[in-house]
Amino acid sequence: MSEENNIKPYSKAIVRLLKGTVDRNNSVWNDIISYQKEIQDYISVIGLELILKKNEGFAFVKQFELEDGLTLNLVSRRPVGFETSIVLVVLRQILEEFDSNPTEIQSLERFITHTEIKEEVELFFPERNNIVRSIKDLDSCIKRAEELGFLKEVKRTDTEIKYQIHRIIKEKITLNDLQDFKNKLQEYV
């Protein structure tokens, strides 16, 4: 029997999901929609769950939590560091405020410039004597948020970068996480 016969019509979608988030512009998006049940059945054997947000236009896999709160450790967790965490929490809060205040001409996407991110986040960074280093640190945190898939560059000029805040941030940083951050910030102050 040929090994090729074992390849399913949704195999490419599973491989792509195992590599990271898939958005509606990806070539396998329709396969994920069409074969949602089959994909879930397949990946559940190795302790993964398909998270599909059709309206928001993305899908990803998440590890099942075992009874003791642990996982099978199939998907690696990457520490992001304190400063990058602040950037992510601020972006999540901005998206939450955007979603809670609908306007008549509201789009589904929240866009933000590099400068606006810096202005929002600078309040949480400790003051340093070396301003150039602080700016570089903040720039690298924003770049890291982009590498992690929470920001998507949509326009670049000589003086500014415009990003879209990816809605997956709502799945990765929950409202409980936001509240925990606010509580810790209050304790710190």
Protein backbone atom coordinates (compact mmCIF):
# COMPACT_ATOMS: atom_id res chain seq x y z
CA MET A 1 0.00 0.00 0.00
CA SER A 2 1.34 3.41 -0.96
CA GLU A 3 2.01 5.92 1.83
CA GLU A 4 0.43 8.56 -0.39
CA ASN A 5 -2.97 6.95 0.18
CA ASN A 6 -2.81 7.97 3.86
CA ILE A 7 -2.69 11.68 3.03
CA LYS A 8 -6.02 13.30 3.78
CA PRO A 9 -7.44 16.34 1.96
CA TYR A 10 -6.91 18.34 5.18
CA SER A 11 -3.33 17.14 5.90
CA LYS A 12 -1.78 20.36 4.60
CA ALA A 13 -4.09 22.37 6.90
CA ILE A 14 -3.00 20.33 9.93
CA VAL A 15 0.67 20.81 9.12
CA ARG A 16 0.14 24.55 8.74
CA LEU A 17 -1.79 24.74 12.04
CA LEU A 18 1.02 22.92 13.84
CA LYS A 19 3.39 25.63 12.64
CA GLY A 20 1.31 28.52 13.98
CA THR A 21 -1.75 30.69 13.54
CA VAL A 22 -3.59 30.50 10.23
CA ASP A 23 -5.60 33.49 9.04
CA ARG A 24 -8.35 33.76 6.46
CA ASN A 25 -5.88 34.81 3.77
CA ASN A 26 -3.97 31.52 4.00
CA SER A 27 -4.44 28.94 1.25
CA VAL A 28 -5.57 26.27 3.77
CA TRP A 29 -8.29 28.42 5.40
CA ASN A 30 -11.13 26.82 3.43
CA ASP A 31 -9.83 23.34 4.30
CA ILE A 32 -9.91 24.24 8.00
CA ILE A 33 -13.51 25.42 7.65
CA SER A 34 -14.58 22.41 5.56
CA TYR A 35 -12.81 19.73 7.61
CA GLN A 36 -13.08 21.24 11.08
CA LYS A 37 -14.41 18.05 12.70
CA GLU A 38 -11.90 15.77 10.96
CA ILE A 39 -9.01 18.06 11.92
CA GLN A 40 -10.17 18.17 15.55
CA ASP A 41 -10.51 14.38 15.67
CA TYR A 42 -7.03 13.95 14.21
CA ILE A 43 -5.18 16.40 16.47
CA SER A 44 -7.03 15.46 19.66
CA VAL A 45 -5.12 12.15 19.67
CA ILE A 46 -1.97 14.12 20.50
CA GLY A 47 -3.63 16.40 23.05
CA LEU A 48 -4.43 19.40 20.85
CA GLU A 49 -7.61 21.37 20.33
CA LEU A 50 -8.54 23.36 17.24
CA ILE A 51 -9.55 26.93 18.03
CA LEU A 52 -11.39 28.38 15.04
CA LYS A 53 -12.64 31.96 15.07
CA LYS A 54 -14.45 32.26 11.73
CA ASN A 55 -15.81 35.76 12.34
CA GLU A 56 -12.42 37.06 13.40
CA GLY A 57 -10.63 35.18 10.63
CA PHE A 58 -8.05 32.98 12.35
CA ALA A 59 -7.43 29.49 13.66
CA PHE A 60 -4.74 27.88 15.81
CA VAL A 61 -4.15 24.80 17.92
CA LYS A 62 -4.00 24.81 21.69
CA GLN A 63 -2.90 22.10 24.10
CA PHE A 64 -5.48 20.36 26.25
CA GLU A 65 -4.88 20.88 29.94
CA LEU A 66 -4.63 17.68 31.93
CA GLU A 67 -6.33 17.24 35.31
CA ASP A 68 -3.28 18.52 37.15
CA GLY A 69 -3.21 21.70 35.04
CA LEU A 70 -0.25 20.53 32.99
CA THR A 71 -0.09 19.67 29.29
CA LEU A 72 1.70 17.07 27.18
CA ASN A 73 4.23 19.80 26.26
CA LEU A 74 3.83 19.31 22.52
CA VAL A 75 3.63 23.02 21.81
CA SER A 76 6.60 24.88 23.22
CA ARG A 77 6.04 27.93 25.34
CA ARG A 78 8.35 30.84 24.74
CA PRO A 79 9.05 33.34 27.47
CA VAL A 80 8.61 36.88 26.20
CA GLY A 81 10.16 38.97 28.96
CA PHE A 82 8.67 41.64 31.17
CA GLU A 83 8.83 44.57 28.72
CA THR A 84 7.33 42.58 25.83
CA SER A 85 4.60 41.34 28.18
CA ILE A 86 3.72 44.95 28.94
CA VAL A 87 3.48 45.71 25.21
CA LEU A 88 1.18 42.72 24.72
CA VAL A 89 -1.07 43.63 27.66
CA VAL A 90 -1.33 47.23 26.45
CA LEU A 91 -2.22 46.04 22.92
CA ARG A 92 -4.84 43.70 24.38
CA GLN A 93 -6.31 46.53 26.43
CA ILE A 94 -6.42 48.79 23.35
CA LEU A 95 -8.28 46.10 21.41
CA GLU A 96 -10.70 45.56 24.31
CA GLU A 97 -11.49 49.28 24.47
CA PHE A 98 -11.95 49.34 20.68
CA ASP A 99 -14.39 46.42 20.81
CA SER A 100 -16.33 47.91 23.75
CA ASN A 101 -16.89 51.29 22.10
CA PRO A 102 -18.53 50.63 18.76
CA THR A 103 -19.03 53.57 16.44
CA GLU A 104 -21.25 53.91 13.41
CA ILE A 105 -18.40 53.43 10.94
CA GLN A 106 -16.38 50.95 12.99
CA SER A 107 -14.30 48.42 11.15
CA LEU A 108 -13.56 44.99 12.55
CA GLU A 109 -9.85 45.69 12.73
CA ARG A 110 -7.92 47.97 15.07
CA PHE A 111 -4.94 49.73 13.57
CA ILE A 112 -2.20 51.48 15.50
CA THR A 113 1.04 53.21 14.64
CA HIS A 114 4.47 52.48 16.03
CA THR A 115 4.48 55.92 17.67
CA GLU A 116 1.08 55.33 19.30
CA ILE A 117 2.28 52.01 20.76
CA LYS A 118 5.35 53.70 22.18
CA GLU A 119 3.27 56.49 23.72
CA GLU A 120 0.92 53.98 25.38
CA VAL A 121 3.68 51.70 26.65
CA GLU A 122 6.25 54.28 27.80
CA LEU A 123 4.15 54.96 30.90
CA PHE A 124 4.89 51.45 32.18
CA PHE A 125 8.63 51.43 31.50
CA PRO A 126 11.02 52.57 34.19
CA GLU A 127 12.80 55.84 33.44
CA ARG A 128 16.38 55.32 32.40
CA ASN A 129 19.25 57.68 31.98
CA ASN A 130 20.06 56.25 28.56
CA ILE A 131 17.12 57.38 26.41
CA VAL A 132 18.59 55.88 23.22
CA ARG A 133 18.79 52.47 24.88
CA SER A 134 15.22 52.79 26.18
CA ILE A 135 13.95 53.58 22.69
CA LYS A 136 15.84 50.59 21.24
CA ASP A 137 14.45 48.33 23.98
CA LEU A 138 10.91 49.49 23.27
CA ASP A 139 11.42 49.08 19.50
CA SER A 140 12.65 45.52 20.03
CA CYS A 141 9.62 44.72 22.22
CA ILE A 142 7.29 45.96 19.49
CA LYS A 143 9.23 43.91 16.94
CA ARG A 144 8.92 40.85 19.20
CA ALA A 145 5.12 41.36 19.40
CA GLU A 146 5.11 41.39 15.60
CA GLU A 147 7.24 38.21 15.41
CA LEU A 148 4.83 36.48 17.78
CA GLY A 149 1.96 37.34 15.44
CA PHE A 150 0.14 39.87 17.61
CA LEU A 151 0.93 42.77 15.29
CA LYS A 152 0.87 42.78 11.52
CA GLU A 153 2.57 45.54 9.57
CA VAL A 154 0.12 46.99 7.05
CA LYS A 155 1.89 50.16 5.91
CA ARG A 156 5.38 51.63 6.17
CA THR A 157 6.57 55.11 5.32
CA ASP A 158 9.91 56.79 5.92
CA THR A 159 8.70 58.10 9.27
CA GLU A 160 6.05 55.67 10.54
CA ILE A 161 4.86 52.06 10.62
CA LYS A 162 1.17 51.21 10.83
CA TYR A 163 0.12 47.87 12.35
CA GLN A 164 -3.05 45.87 12.68
CA ILE A 165 -3.57 44.35 16.11
CA HIS A 166 -4.25 40.67 15.42
CA ARG A 167 -7.34 39.39 17.19
CA ILE A 168 -5.56 36.25 18.36
CA ILE A 169 -4.30 38.40 21.22
CA LYS A 170 -7.79 38.07 22.75
CA GLU A 171 -7.31 34.30 22.93
CA LYS A 172 -3.79 34.45 24.30
CA ILE A 173 -4.33 37.27 26.80
CA THR A 174 -7.72 36.88 28.43
CA LEU A 175 -9.76 39.41 30.37
CA ASN A 176 -8.62 37.61 33.53
CA ASP A 177 -5.00 38.19 32.49
CA LEU A 178 -5.77 41.89 32.01
CA GLN A 179 -7.33 42.08 35.47
CA ASP A 180 -4.36 40.27 37.03
CA PHE A 181 -2.02 42.76 35.36
CA LYS A 182 -4.05 45.70 36.68
CA ASN A 183 -4.01 44.21 40.18
CA LYS A 184 -0.24 43.67 40.08
CA LEU A 185 0.24 47.18 38.77
CA GLN A 186 -1.87 48.55 41.62
CA GLU A 187 0.23 46.59 44.15
CA TYR A 188 3.41 47.92 42.54
CA VAL A 189 2.20 51.50 42.74
